[in-house]
N, C-alpha and C. Protein backbone atom coordinates (compact mmCIF):
# COMPACT_ATOMS: atom_id res chain seq x y z
N MET A 1 -44.71 -1.23 -34.99
CA MET A 1 -43.37 -1.33 -36.05
C MET A 1 -43.71 -1.91 -37.49
N PRO A 2 -43.79 -0.86 -38.23
CA PRO A 2 -43.96 -1.42 -39.60
C PRO A 2 -43.24 -2.68 -40.13
N MET A 3 -43.70 -3.66 -40.71
CA MET A 3 -43.24 -4.93 -41.28
C MET A 3 -42.17 -4.32 -41.88
N ASN A 4 -40.93 -5.20 -42.12
CA ASN A 4 -39.64 -5.61 -42.82
C ASN A 4 -39.66 -6.28 -43.91
N ILE A 5 -40.21 -5.68 -45.15
CA ILE A 5 -40.73 -6.38 -46.16
C ILE A 5 -39.42 -6.76 -47.24
N LYS A 6 -39.11 -7.53 -47.49
CA LYS A 6 -37.88 -7.89 -48.47
C LYS A 6 -37.90 -8.80 -49.78
N ILE A 7 -37.85 -8.25 -50.86
CA ILE A 7 -38.08 -8.54 -52.02
C ILE A 7 -36.56 -9.51 -52.47
N ILE A 8 -36.55 -10.96 -52.65
CA ILE A 8 -35.53 -11.37 -52.93
C ILE A 8 -35.05 -10.89 -54.42
N ASP A 9 -33.63 -10.17 -54.63
CA ASP A 9 -33.28 -10.08 -55.80
C ASP A 9 -32.12 -10.94 -56.06
N TYR A 10 -32.31 -12.13 -56.89
CA TYR A 10 -31.33 -12.88 -56.86
C TYR A 10 -30.97 -13.15 -58.60
N ASP A 11 -31.34 -12.01 -59.55
CA ASP A 11 -31.16 -11.68 -61.17
C ASP A 11 -32.09 -12.47 -61.97
N MET A 12 -33.63 -12.62 -61.64
CA MET A 12 -34.38 -13.77 -62.11
C MET A 12 -35.63 -12.95 -62.74
N GLY A 13 -35.79 -11.56 -62.65
CA GLY A 13 -36.33 -10.92 -63.14
C GLY A 13 -37.46 -9.83 -62.46
N ASN A 14 -38.49 -10.21 -62.32
CA ASN A 14 -39.72 -8.70 -61.89
C ASN A 14 -39.66 -8.32 -60.70
N VAL A 15 -38.44 -8.24 -60.07
CA VAL A 15 -38.78 -7.49 -58.38
C VAL A 15 -39.31 -6.23 -58.44
N HIS A 16 -39.00 -5.32 -59.83
CA HIS A 16 -39.17 -4.09 -59.47
C HIS A 16 -40.89 -4.27 -59.70
N SER A 17 -41.63 -4.83 -60.62
CA SER A 17 -42.89 -5.19 -60.78
C SER A 17 -43.61 -5.25 -59.49
N VAL A 18 -42.74 -6.10 -58.45
CA VAL A 18 -43.35 -6.74 -57.34
C VAL A 18 -43.46 -5.27 -56.43
N GLN A 19 -42.43 -4.77 -56.47
CA GLN A 19 -41.91 -3.61 -55.43
C GLN A 19 -43.01 -2.45 -56.09
N ASN A 20 -43.27 -2.32 -57.08
CA ASN A 20 -44.01 -1.15 -57.27
C ASN A 20 -45.37 -1.53 -57.21
N ALA A 21 -46.07 -2.82 -57.20
CA ALA A 21 -47.30 -3.16 -56.96
C ALA A 21 -47.52 -2.82 -55.19
N LEU A 22 -46.53 -3.37 -54.42
CA LEU A 22 -46.58 -2.97 -52.98
C LEU A 22 -46.72 -1.67 -52.58
N THR A 23 -45.73 -0.80 -53.07
CA THR A 23 -45.85 0.94 -53.22
C THR A 23 -47.17 1.00 -53.53
N PHE A 24 -47.83 0.73 -54.61
CA PHE A 24 -48.86 1.38 -55.01
C PHE A 24 -50.14 1.06 -53.90
N LEU A 25 -49.98 -0.08 -52.92
CA LEU A 25 -50.50 -0.55 -52.25
C LEU A 25 -50.54 0.21 -50.76
N GLY A 26 -49.54 1.07 -50.68
CA GLY A 26 -48.65 1.60 -49.69
C GLY A 26 -47.90 1.25 -48.66
N TYR A 27 -47.28 0.01 -49.18
CA TYR A 27 -46.27 -0.77 -48.04
C TYR A 27 -44.78 -0.53 -48.73
N GLU A 28 -44.06 0.04 -47.47
CA GLU A 28 -42.78 0.21 -48.11
C GLU A 28 -41.95 -1.38 -48.13
N SER A 29 -41.10 -1.42 -48.93
CA SER A 29 -40.25 -2.48 -49.14
C SER A 29 -38.92 -2.24 -49.70
N SER A 30 -38.16 -3.00 -49.83
CA SER A 30 -36.93 -3.25 -50.04
C SER A 30 -36.17 -4.48 -50.92
N LEU A 31 -35.36 -4.77 -51.57
CA LEU A 31 -34.59 -5.70 -52.13
C LEU A 31 -33.77 -6.28 -51.19
N ALA A 32 -33.62 -7.24 -50.94
CA ALA A 32 -32.73 -8.73 -50.41
C ALA A 32 -31.95 -8.77 -51.51
N VAL A 33 -30.36 -8.39 -51.45
CA VAL A 33 -29.66 -8.52 -52.08
C VAL A 33 -28.45 -9.54 -51.52
N ASP A 34 -28.11 -9.68 -50.41
CA ASP A 34 -27.42 -10.58 -49.87
C ASP A 34 -28.24 -11.32 -48.54
N ALA A 35 -27.06 -12.40 -47.95
CA ALA A 35 -27.71 -12.92 -46.75
C ALA A 35 -28.03 -12.54 -45.67
N SER A 36 -27.31 -11.07 -45.24
CA SER A 36 -27.46 -10.23 -44.15
C SER A 36 -28.77 -9.50 -44.38
N SER A 37 -29.65 -9.15 -45.79
CA SER A 37 -30.80 -8.60 -45.56
C SER A 37 -31.79 -9.41 -45.56
N ILE A 38 -31.66 -10.82 -46.13
CA ILE A 38 -32.76 -11.79 -45.64
C ILE A 38 -32.90 -11.98 -44.33
N HIS A 39 -31.38 -12.12 -43.24
CA HIS A 39 -31.94 -12.39 -41.96
C HIS A 39 -32.67 -10.96 -41.23
N GLU A 40 -32.56 -9.62 -41.75
CA GLU A 40 -33.52 -8.70 -41.25
C GLU A 40 -34.87 -8.72 -41.58
N ALA A 41 -35.08 -9.30 -42.37
CA ALA A 41 -36.50 -9.14 -42.85
C ALA A 41 -37.49 -10.04 -41.99
N ASP A 42 -38.77 -9.68 -41.75
CA ASP A 42 -39.86 -10.23 -40.93
C ASP A 42 -40.77 -10.88 -42.16
N CYS A 43 -40.89 -10.39 -43.46
CA CYS A 43 -41.41 -10.97 -44.77
C CYS A 43 -40.53 -10.95 -46.18
N LEU A 44 -40.50 -12.35 -46.33
CA LEU A 44 -40.05 -12.32 -48.00
C LEU A 44 -40.73 -12.92 -49.04
N ILE A 45 -40.31 -12.09 -49.92
CA ILE A 45 -41.02 -12.56 -51.20
C ILE A 45 -39.90 -12.90 -52.62
N LEU A 46 -39.95 -14.16 -52.82
CA LEU A 46 -39.50 -14.62 -53.95
C LEU A 46 -40.16 -14.68 -55.10
N PRO A 47 -40.07 -13.61 -56.05
CA PRO A 47 -40.44 -13.60 -57.56
C PRO A 47 -39.69 -14.54 -58.25
N GLY A 48 -39.75 -14.39 -59.40
CA GLY A 48 -38.91 -14.82 -60.43
C GLY A 48 -39.40 -14.95 -61.84
N VAL A 49 -38.85 -14.82 -62.97
CA VAL A 49 -38.95 -15.45 -64.19
C VAL A 49 -37.95 -15.92 -64.92
N GLY A 50 -37.94 -17.08 -65.42
CA GLY A 50 -36.77 -17.88 -66.20
C GLY A 50 -36.70 -19.45 -65.61
N ALA A 51 -35.67 -19.97 -65.69
CA ALA A 51 -35.53 -21.30 -65.71
C ALA A 51 -34.84 -21.48 -64.21
N PHE A 52 -35.63 -22.56 -63.81
CA PHE A 52 -35.48 -23.20 -62.68
C PHE A 52 -33.84 -23.34 -62.12
N GLU A 53 -32.73 -23.87 -62.99
CA GLU A 53 -31.44 -24.08 -62.49
C GLU A 53 -30.99 -22.82 -62.47
N ASP A 54 -31.07 -22.03 -63.53
CA ASP A 54 -30.47 -20.85 -63.35
C ASP A 54 -30.64 -19.98 -62.23
N GLY A 55 -32.19 -20.19 -61.57
CA GLY A 55 -32.40 -19.74 -60.40
C GLY A 55 -31.83 -20.08 -59.21
N MET A 56 -31.63 -21.40 -59.16
CA MET A 56 -31.12 -21.96 -57.90
C MET A 56 -29.49 -21.65 -57.82
N VAL A 57 -28.98 -21.84 -59.13
CA VAL A 57 -27.47 -21.29 -59.55
C VAL A 57 -27.38 -19.52 -59.15
N SER A 58 -27.99 -18.79 -59.49
CA SER A 58 -28.06 -17.84 -58.87
C SER A 58 -28.10 -17.42 -57.22
N LEU A 59 -28.88 -18.28 -56.55
CA LEU A 59 -29.46 -18.01 -55.20
C LEU A 59 -27.93 -18.84 -54.49
N HIS A 60 -27.49 -19.67 -54.91
CA HIS A 60 -26.22 -20.35 -54.44
C HIS A 60 -25.21 -19.00 -54.35
N LYS A 61 -24.82 -18.30 -55.66
CA LYS A 61 -23.88 -17.65 -55.67
C LYS A 61 -23.91 -16.48 -54.89
N LYS A 62 -25.32 -15.86 -54.51
CA LYS A 62 -25.25 -14.79 -53.45
C LYS A 62 -25.47 -15.32 -52.04
N LYS A 63 -25.34 -16.24 -51.58
CA LYS A 63 -25.57 -17.17 -50.63
C LYS A 63 -26.48 -16.93 -49.63
N MET A 64 -27.87 -17.12 -50.75
CA MET A 64 -29.08 -17.03 -49.93
C MET A 64 -29.89 -18.44 -49.56
N ILE A 65 -29.23 -19.63 -49.93
CA ILE A 65 -30.05 -20.69 -49.48
C ILE A 65 -30.25 -20.60 -48.06
N GLU A 66 -28.99 -21.04 -47.28
CA GLU A 66 -29.11 -21.05 -46.00
C GLU A 66 -29.79 -20.27 -45.42
N PRO A 67 -29.65 -18.62 -45.63
CA PRO A 67 -30.86 -17.71 -44.85
C PRO A 67 -32.22 -17.88 -45.24
N LEU A 68 -32.34 -18.29 -46.60
CA LEU A 68 -33.73 -18.66 -47.07
C LEU A 68 -34.45 -20.18 -46.00
N LYS A 69 -33.53 -21.10 -45.98
CA LYS A 69 -34.05 -21.84 -44.97
C LYS A 69 -34.01 -21.71 -43.71
N GLU A 70 -33.39 -21.21 -43.27
CA GLU A 70 -33.56 -20.73 -41.69
C GLU A 70 -35.13 -19.88 -41.65
N ALA A 71 -35.28 -19.21 -42.89
CA ALA A 71 -36.51 -18.22 -42.42
C ALA A 71 -37.58 -19.19 -42.38
N PHE A 72 -37.65 -19.94 -43.19
CA PHE A 72 -38.88 -21.17 -43.56
C PHE A 72 -38.55 -21.88 -42.20
N VAL A 73 -38.00 -22.47 -41.66
CA VAL A 73 -37.75 -23.00 -40.29
C VAL A 73 -38.26 -22.07 -39.22
N ARG A 74 -37.85 -20.75 -39.60
CA ARG A 74 -38.44 -20.05 -38.07
C ARG A 74 -39.94 -19.67 -38.39
N GLY A 75 -40.34 -19.94 -39.71
CA GLY A 75 -41.99 -19.43 -39.71
C GLY A 75 -42.20 -18.02 -40.03
N LYS A 76 -40.98 -17.41 -40.91
CA LYS A 76 -41.19 -16.12 -41.34
C LYS A 76 -42.17 -16.32 -42.59
N LYS A 77 -42.91 -15.38 -42.74
CA LYS A 77 -43.81 -15.47 -44.02
C LYS A 77 -43.06 -15.24 -45.45
N ILE A 78 -43.21 -16.05 -46.06
CA ILE A 78 -42.67 -16.44 -47.33
C ILE A 78 -43.68 -16.07 -48.42
N LEU A 79 -43.68 -15.54 -49.42
CA LEU A 79 -44.59 -15.96 -50.85
C LEU A 79 -43.51 -16.34 -52.06
N GLY A 80 -43.60 -17.43 -52.71
CA GLY A 80 -42.87 -17.45 -53.74
C GLY A 80 -43.76 -17.39 -54.80
N ILE A 81 -43.57 -16.34 -55.89
CA ILE A 81 -44.19 -16.04 -57.22
C ILE A 81 -43.75 -16.87 -58.47
N CYS A 82 -44.60 -17.45 -59.23
CA CYS A 82 -44.53 -18.39 -60.50
C CYS A 82 -42.94 -19.29 -60.09
N LEU A 83 -41.76 -18.54 -60.72
CA LEU A 83 -40.49 -19.61 -60.64
C LEU A 83 -40.26 -19.64 -59.11
N GLY A 84 -40.32 -18.43 -58.50
CA GLY A 84 -40.22 -18.25 -56.82
C GLY A 84 -41.20 -19.62 -56.43
N MET A 85 -42.01 -19.81 -56.69
CA MET A 85 -43.15 -20.85 -56.18
C MET A 85 -42.67 -22.26 -56.55
N GLN A 86 -41.81 -22.30 -57.60
CA GLN A 86 -41.26 -23.51 -57.93
C GLN A 86 -40.18 -23.95 -57.55
N LEU A 87 -39.39 -23.02 -56.92
CA LEU A 87 -38.10 -23.26 -56.40
C LEU A 87 -38.15 -23.51 -55.06
N LEU A 88 -39.31 -23.30 -54.40
CA LEU A 88 -39.99 -23.73 -52.84
C LEU A 88 -39.65 -25.37 -52.91
N LEU A 89 -39.89 -26.16 -54.05
CA LEU A 89 -39.65 -27.75 -54.16
C LEU A 89 -38.72 -28.43 -54.08
N ASP A 90 -38.76 -29.82 -54.02
CA ASP A 90 -37.82 -30.26 -54.02
C ASP A 90 -36.77 -30.45 -55.23
N LYS A 91 -37.70 -30.73 -56.32
CA LYS A 91 -36.70 -30.54 -57.38
C LYS A 91 -37.41 -30.24 -58.67
N SER A 92 -36.81 -30.01 -59.83
CA SER A 92 -37.75 -29.73 -61.35
C SER A 92 -36.87 -30.51 -62.15
N TYR A 93 -37.56 -30.65 -63.37
CA TYR A 93 -36.98 -31.42 -64.63
C TYR A 93 -37.06 -30.53 -65.75
N GLU A 94 -37.00 -29.67 -65.41
CA GLU A 94 -36.78 -28.39 -66.37
C GLU A 94 -35.29 -28.62 -67.06
N MET A 95 -35.01 -29.10 -68.26
CA MET A 95 -33.69 -29.17 -68.69
C MET A 95 -32.91 -29.94 -68.04
N GLY A 96 -33.09 -31.21 -67.64
CA GLY A 96 -32.29 -31.91 -66.67
C GLY A 96 -33.15 -32.50 -65.58
N GLU A 97 -32.46 -32.65 -64.41
CA GLU A 97 -32.72 -32.83 -63.13
C GLU A 97 -32.23 -31.71 -62.00
N HIS A 98 -33.10 -30.91 -61.44
CA HIS A 98 -32.34 -30.03 -60.48
C HIS A 98 -32.94 -30.01 -59.08
N VAL A 99 -32.14 -29.59 -58.13
CA VAL A 99 -32.56 -29.64 -56.84
C VAL A 99 -33.22 -28.50 -56.52
N GLY A 100 -34.14 -28.32 -55.91
CA GLY A 100 -34.70 -26.95 -55.21
C GLY A 100 -34.31 -26.75 -53.66
N LEU A 101 -35.27 -25.55 -53.52
CA LEU A 101 -34.70 -25.58 -51.87
C LEU A 101 -35.37 -26.32 -50.90
N GLY A 102 -36.40 -27.26 -51.36
CA GLY A 102 -36.98 -28.43 -50.73
C GLY A 102 -37.47 -27.92 -49.53
N PHE A 103 -38.46 -26.81 -49.65
CA PHE A 103 -39.56 -26.50 -48.34
C PHE A 103 -40.58 -27.28 -48.33
N ILE A 104 -41.12 -27.50 -49.75
CA ILE A 104 -42.11 -28.33 -50.08
C ILE A 104 -41.90 -29.54 -50.67
N LYS A 105 -42.55 -30.68 -50.34
CA LYS A 105 -42.16 -31.98 -50.96
C LYS A 105 -42.85 -32.04 -52.42
N GLY A 106 -42.19 -32.32 -53.23
CA GLY A 106 -42.70 -32.26 -54.40
C GLY A 106 -41.88 -32.13 -55.55
N GLU A 107 -42.60 -31.75 -56.55
CA GLU A 107 -41.71 -31.70 -58.16
C GLU A 107 -42.38 -31.00 -59.14
N VAL A 108 -41.47 -30.52 -60.11
CA VAL A 108 -41.82 -29.54 -61.08
C VAL A 108 -41.73 -30.10 -62.42
N THR A 109 -42.74 -30.28 -63.39
CA THR A 109 -42.84 -30.80 -64.86
C THR A 109 -43.48 -30.00 -65.65
N ARG A 110 -42.97 -30.19 -66.92
CA ARG A 110 -43.56 -29.42 -67.84
C ARG A 110 -44.85 -29.75 -68.27
N PHE A 111 -45.90 -29.16 -68.54
CA PHE A 111 -47.02 -29.41 -69.46
C PHE A 111 -46.63 -30.21 -70.53
N SER A 112 -47.74 -31.49 -70.45
CA SER A 112 -48.17 -32.32 -71.49
C SER A 112 -49.79 -32.63 -71.86
N PHE A 113 -49.95 -32.55 -73.11
CA PHE A 113 -51.26 -32.61 -73.43
C PHE A 113 -51.68 -33.81 -74.55
N ASP A 114 -52.40 -34.38 -74.42
CA ASP A 114 -52.82 -35.36 -75.51
C ASP A 114 -53.52 -35.02 -76.54
N SER A 115 -54.17 -33.96 -76.09
CA SER A 115 -54.99 -33.35 -77.28
C SER A 115 -54.20 -32.06 -77.69
N GLU A 116 -54.57 -31.74 -78.78
CA GLU A 116 -53.82 -30.76 -79.76
C GLU A 116 -54.31 -29.27 -79.45
N GLY A 117 -54.09 -28.35 -79.86
CA GLY A 117 -54.87 -27.23 -79.27
C GLY A 117 -54.27 -26.44 -78.39
N LEU A 118 -53.80 -26.97 -77.39
CA LEU A 118 -53.04 -25.95 -76.21
C LEU A 118 -51.81 -25.72 -76.73
N LYS A 119 -51.59 -24.43 -76.23
CA LYS A 119 -49.86 -23.56 -76.18
C LYS A 119 -49.18 -24.10 -74.91
N ILE A 120 -48.05 -23.94 -75.07
CA ILE A 120 -47.20 -24.17 -74.32
C ILE A 120 -46.17 -22.50 -74.69
N PRO A 121 -46.05 -21.75 -73.81
CA PRO A 121 -46.33 -21.91 -72.25
C PRO A 121 -47.78 -21.44 -72.16
N HIS A 122 -48.48 -21.57 -71.05
CA HIS A 122 -49.54 -21.48 -70.23
C HIS A 122 -49.53 -19.82 -70.14
N MET A 123 -50.11 -18.92 -71.34
CA MET A 123 -50.03 -17.51 -70.88
C MET A 123 -51.11 -16.96 -71.12
N GLY A 124 -51.76 -16.00 -70.25
CA GLY A 124 -52.25 -15.04 -70.10
C GLY A 124 -53.33 -15.26 -69.29
N TRP A 125 -54.88 -14.83 -68.90
CA TRP A 125 -55.71 -15.16 -67.84
C TRP A 125 -56.56 -16.00 -67.91
N ASN A 126 -56.73 -16.54 -66.48
CA ASN A 126 -57.34 -18.05 -66.13
C ASN A 126 -57.64 -18.11 -64.89
N SER A 127 -58.85 -18.92 -64.25
CA SER A 127 -59.62 -18.87 -63.18
C SER A 127 -58.70 -19.60 -62.29
N LEU A 128 -59.11 -19.11 -60.85
CA LEU A 128 -58.97 -20.10 -59.92
C LEU A 128 -59.80 -20.72 -59.27
N ASP A 129 -59.83 -22.11 -59.13
CA ASP A 129 -60.84 -22.51 -58.32
C ASP A 129 -60.05 -22.92 -57.00
N ILE A 130 -60.77 -22.14 -56.28
CA ILE A 130 -60.31 -22.29 -54.48
C ILE A 130 -60.78 -23.73 -53.99
N SER A 131 -59.77 -24.60 -53.38
CA SER A 131 -60.68 -25.68 -52.95
C SER A 131 -60.49 -25.19 -51.32
N LYS A 132 -59.58 -24.52 -50.82
CA LYS A 132 -59.60 -24.33 -49.56
C LYS A 132 -59.49 -22.88 -49.14
N LYS A 133 -60.47 -22.37 -47.90
CA LYS A 133 -60.59 -21.21 -47.56
C LYS A 133 -59.33 -20.87 -46.61
N ASP A 134 -58.92 -19.68 -46.83
CA ASP A 134 -57.91 -19.00 -46.69
C ASP A 134 -57.96 -17.81 -46.58
N PRO A 135 -56.97 -16.83 -45.57
CA PRO A 135 -57.13 -15.73 -45.29
C PRO A 135 -56.47 -14.77 -46.63
N ILE A 136 -55.66 -15.50 -47.70
CA ILE A 136 -55.08 -14.84 -48.68
C ILE A 136 -56.01 -14.68 -49.77
N PHE A 137 -57.22 -15.25 -49.57
CA PHE A 137 -58.46 -15.10 -50.88
C PHE A 137 -59.52 -14.37 -50.16
N GLU A 138 -59.25 -13.76 -49.12
CA GLU A 138 -60.38 -13.10 -48.64
C GLU A 138 -61.23 -11.99 -49.58
N ASN A 139 -62.07 -11.74 -49.75
CA ASN A 139 -63.06 -10.95 -50.48
C ASN A 139 -62.83 -10.78 -51.92
N LEU A 140 -62.39 -11.81 -52.53
CA LEU A 140 -62.29 -12.10 -53.80
C LEU A 140 -63.47 -12.46 -54.74
N PRO A 141 -63.69 -12.34 -55.95
CA PRO A 141 -64.71 -12.94 -56.56
C PRO A 141 -64.95 -14.19 -56.58
N GLU A 142 -65.87 -14.57 -56.59
CA GLU A 142 -66.00 -16.04 -56.26
C GLU A 142 -65.25 -17.17 -57.28
N THR A 143 -65.16 -16.48 -58.49
CA THR A 143 -64.06 -17.08 -59.62
C THR A 143 -63.10 -15.99 -60.03
N PRO A 144 -62.12 -15.84 -59.25
CA PRO A 144 -60.84 -14.92 -59.55
C PRO A 144 -60.33 -15.15 -60.87
N TYR A 145 -60.21 -14.25 -61.59
CA TYR A 145 -59.03 -14.30 -62.61
C TYR A 145 -58.15 -13.93 -62.69
N VAL A 146 -56.86 -14.64 -63.05
CA VAL A 146 -55.15 -14.29 -62.83
C VAL A 146 -54.41 -14.44 -63.73
N TYR A 147 -53.55 -13.75 -63.76
CA TYR A 147 -52.40 -13.73 -65.33
C TYR A 147 -51.37 -14.63 -64.98
N PHE A 148 -51.32 -15.73 -66.02
CA PHE A 148 -49.99 -16.74 -65.78
C PHE A 148 -49.04 -16.60 -66.96
N VAL A 149 -47.87 -16.81 -66.88
CA VAL A 149 -46.84 -17.45 -67.74
C VAL A 149 -46.10 -18.40 -67.39
N HIS A 150 -46.28 -19.61 -68.15
CA HIS A 150 -45.26 -20.46 -67.45
C HIS A 150 -45.19 -21.92 -68.34
N SER A 151 -44.56 -22.69 -68.38
CA SER A 151 -44.52 -23.58 -69.44
C SER A 151 -44.12 -25.12 -67.91
N TYR A 152 -44.45 -24.88 -66.99
CA TYR A 152 -44.04 -25.72 -65.67
C TYR A 152 -44.86 -25.62 -64.82
N HIS A 153 -45.28 -26.54 -63.88
CA HIS A 153 -46.16 -26.32 -62.99
C HIS A 153 -45.72 -27.49 -62.14
N VAL A 154 -46.42 -27.09 -60.64
CA VAL A 154 -45.96 -27.86 -59.42
C VAL A 154 -46.77 -29.18 -59.38
N LYS A 155 -45.91 -30.49 -58.81
CA LYS A 155 -47.26 -31.55 -58.10
C LYS A 155 -46.49 -31.41 -56.73
N ILE A 156 -47.44 -31.50 -56.01
CA ILE A 156 -47.20 -31.11 -54.71
C ILE A 156 -47.55 -32.88 -54.07
N THR A 157 -46.48 -33.17 -53.01
CA THR A 157 -46.69 -34.49 -52.67
C THR A 157 -47.66 -34.81 -51.47
N ASP A 158 -48.29 -33.40 -50.96
CA ASP A 158 -49.24 -33.41 -49.73
C ASP A 158 -50.57 -32.93 -50.54
N GLU A 159 -51.31 -33.38 -51.08
CA GLU A 159 -52.17 -32.45 -51.52
C GLU A 159 -53.00 -31.45 -50.57
N SER A 160 -53.07 -31.50 -49.55
CA SER A 160 -53.81 -30.82 -48.40
C SER A 160 -53.24 -29.57 -48.30
N LEU A 161 -52.16 -29.39 -48.96
CA LEU A 161 -51.56 -27.98 -48.76
C LEU A 161 -51.99 -27.19 -50.06
N ILE A 162 -52.68 -27.87 -50.85
CA ILE A 162 -53.35 -27.04 -52.15
C ILE A 162 -54.02 -26.12 -51.96
N LEU A 163 -54.14 -24.71 -52.24
CA LEU A 163 -55.39 -23.77 -51.78
C LEU A 163 -56.10 -23.44 -53.06
N ALA A 164 -55.84 -23.80 -54.38
CA ALA A 164 -56.07 -23.48 -55.68
C ALA A 164 -55.56 -24.19 -56.68
N THR A 165 -56.74 -24.71 -57.55
CA THR A 165 -56.13 -25.04 -58.99
C THR A 165 -56.54 -24.53 -60.10
N THR A 166 -56.02 -24.86 -61.44
CA THR A 166 -56.31 -23.91 -62.48
C THR A 166 -56.42 -25.03 -63.76
N HIS A 167 -57.56 -25.06 -64.38
CA HIS A 167 -57.67 -25.90 -65.40
C HIS A 167 -56.95 -25.36 -66.89
N TYR A 168 -55.55 -26.17 -67.16
CA TYR A 168 -55.24 -25.93 -68.40
C TYR A 168 -55.02 -26.98 -68.93
N GLY A 169 -55.99 -27.87 -69.99
CA GLY A 169 -55.71 -29.16 -70.43
C GLY A 169 -56.11 -30.02 -69.18
N LYS A 170 -55.77 -30.09 -68.02
CA LYS A 170 -55.91 -30.78 -66.79
C LYS A 170 -55.98 -30.00 -65.49
N PRO A 171 -56.22 -29.96 -64.26
CA PRO A 171 -56.26 -29.19 -63.16
C PRO A 171 -54.79 -29.04 -63.02
N PHE A 172 -54.03 -28.09 -62.70
CA PHE A 172 -52.56 -28.08 -62.02
C PHE A 172 -52.81 -26.96 -60.62
N CYS A 173 -52.02 -27.15 -59.66
CA CYS A 173 -51.64 -26.54 -58.36
C CYS A 173 -51.38 -25.04 -58.65
N SER A 174 -52.08 -24.00 -58.57
CA SER A 174 -51.82 -22.78 -58.70
C SER A 174 -52.06 -21.82 -57.58
N ALA A 175 -51.77 -22.71 -56.30
CA ALA A 175 -51.53 -21.92 -55.23
C ALA A 175 -51.27 -23.16 -53.98
N PHE A 176 -50.74 -22.86 -53.14
CA PHE A 176 -50.33 -23.83 -51.97
C PHE A 176 -49.80 -22.87 -50.96
N LYS A 177 -50.05 -23.60 -49.67
CA LYS A 177 -49.70 -22.95 -48.38
C LYS A 177 -49.29 -24.13 -47.76
N SER A 178 -47.69 -23.82 -46.87
CA SER A 178 -47.30 -24.82 -45.87
C SER A 178 -46.77 -24.16 -44.64
N GLY A 179 -47.74 -23.72 -43.45
CA GLY A 179 -47.06 -23.09 -42.29
C GLY A 179 -47.52 -21.60 -42.90
N GLN A 180 -46.50 -20.51 -42.79
CA GLN A 180 -46.58 -19.23 -43.39
C GLN A 180 -45.80 -19.11 -44.52
N THR A 181 -45.63 -20.19 -45.13
CA THR A 181 -45.20 -19.99 -46.62
C THR A 181 -46.25 -20.15 -47.69
N TYR A 182 -46.20 -19.05 -48.70
CA TYR A 182 -47.65 -19.56 -49.71
C TYR A 182 -46.74 -19.29 -51.23
N GLY A 183 -47.13 -20.54 -52.17
CA GLY A 183 -46.60 -20.46 -53.23
C GLY A 183 -47.64 -20.19 -54.31
N LEU A 184 -47.70 -18.85 -55.15
CA LEU A 184 -48.48 -18.53 -56.28
C LEU A 184 -47.87 -18.99 -57.54
N GLN A 185 -48.57 -19.83 -58.62
CA GLN A 185 -47.91 -20.07 -59.53
C GLN A 185 -48.21 -18.77 -60.87
N PHE A 186 -49.26 -18.17 -60.28
CA PHE A 186 -49.42 -16.60 -61.28
C PHE A 186 -48.85 -15.51 -60.85
N HIS A 187 -48.81 -14.41 -61.37
CA HIS A 187 -48.41 -13.27 -61.36
C HIS A 187 -49.35 -12.16 -60.59
N PRO A 188 -49.29 -12.36 -59.31
CA PRO A 188 -50.58 -11.20 -58.51
C PRO A 188 -50.15 -9.87 -59.00
N GLU A 189 -48.98 -9.53 -59.08
CA GLU A 189 -48.41 -8.10 -59.73
C GLU A 189 -48.96 -7.69 -60.90
N LYS A 190 -49.35 -8.53 -61.70
CA LYS A 190 -50.00 -8.63 -63.22
C LYS A 190 -51.25 -8.72 -62.86
N SER A 191 -52.03 -9.09 -61.96
CA SER A 191 -53.46 -9.73 -62.11
C SER A 191 -54.40 -8.46 -61.65
N GLN A 192 -54.01 -7.17 -61.62
CA GLN A 192 -54.65 -6.20 -61.93
C GLN A 192 -55.75 -6.03 -60.36
N GLU A 193 -56.74 -5.80 -59.93
CA GLU A 193 -57.19 -5.72 -58.59
C GLU A 193 -57.43 -6.89 -58.01
N VAL A 194 -57.21 -8.32 -58.78
CA VAL A 194 -57.56 -9.40 -57.75
C VAL A 194 -56.13 -9.64 -57.21
N GLY A 195 -54.99 -9.28 -58.01
CA GLY A 195 -53.78 -9.70 -57.70
C GLY A 195 -53.33 -8.77 -56.54
N LEU A 196 -53.58 -7.37 -56.59
CA LEU A 196 -53.31 -6.52 -55.92
C LEU A 196 -53.75 -6.85 -54.27
N LYS A 197 -55.45 -7.52 -54.58
CA LYS A 197 -56.02 -7.80 -53.19
C LYS A 197 -55.49 -8.87 -52.55
N ILE A 198 -54.99 -10.08 -53.34
CA ILE A 198 -53.85 -11.45 -52.80
C ILE A 198 -52.64 -10.76 -52.58
N LEU A 199 -51.91 -9.88 -52.61
CA LEU A 199 -51.02 -9.32 -52.00
C LEU A 199 -51.00 -8.62 -50.96
N LYS A 200 -52.29 -7.92 -50.67
CA LYS A 200 -52.56 -7.29 -49.47
C LYS A 200 -53.17 -8.14 -48.41
N ASN A 201 -53.67 -9.07 -48.86
CA ASN A 201 -54.12 -10.31 -47.93
C ASN A 201 -53.03 -11.17 -47.37
N PHE A 202 -52.25 -10.99 -48.21
CA PHE A 202 -51.00 -11.90 -47.62
C PHE A 202 -50.01 -11.23 -46.63
N LEU A 203 -49.91 -9.90 -46.94
CA LEU A 203 -49.36 -9.02 -45.62
C LEU A 203 -50.05 -8.52 -44.74
N GLU A 204 -51.69 -8.63 -44.60
CA GLU A 204 -52.24 -8.06 -43.74
C GLU A 204 -52.82 -9.38 -42.94
N ASN A 205 -53.31 -10.36 -43.55
CA ASN A 205 -54.36 -11.16 -43.11
C ASN A 205 -53.57 -12.77 -42.68
N THR A 206 -52.74 -12.99 -43.27
CA THR A 206 -51.92 -14.27 -42.96
C THR A 206 -51.26 -14.55 -42.02
């Protein structure tokens, strides 16, 4: 039976670019626009572009918080991308202090640099330093490059969950895994062959 892949549509950006990437890879997917469509899913992808508070407000308005928490507890496959990754954590300090989904213990903070010359947001191609072997990284180059656009990054309480870091002024967590839940700070749907391979690995190998 084909896997029921749902992309969470909570009015926060790039759902169609993620869906187009999956279509290119040969996977059928649909948008989850309410709680019932989340319950139906075998696999959930939570993308997102924009502010943390806006994302949580939108999830609340669409009554998606509880079904997402239920999916996490039941061990469904979940992939958070960029803002979607950050929403999986306890809280964020983006324009105030805001409560997240709380799947992963940790917080979201803004980049700050002692030295000058590094711009915020961190935008463009950068490499992954893969610190832990995982099926999501199978058959990638030794130093894979992926595409980032973000001003905030996650700080994970349990560093054993970190799969990869990326250096921008200092190392930050660019990928983590807890159970069947993955977080990616970069945009796999914009990361060409490497990103498409990561999406394929997530769907088939994890």
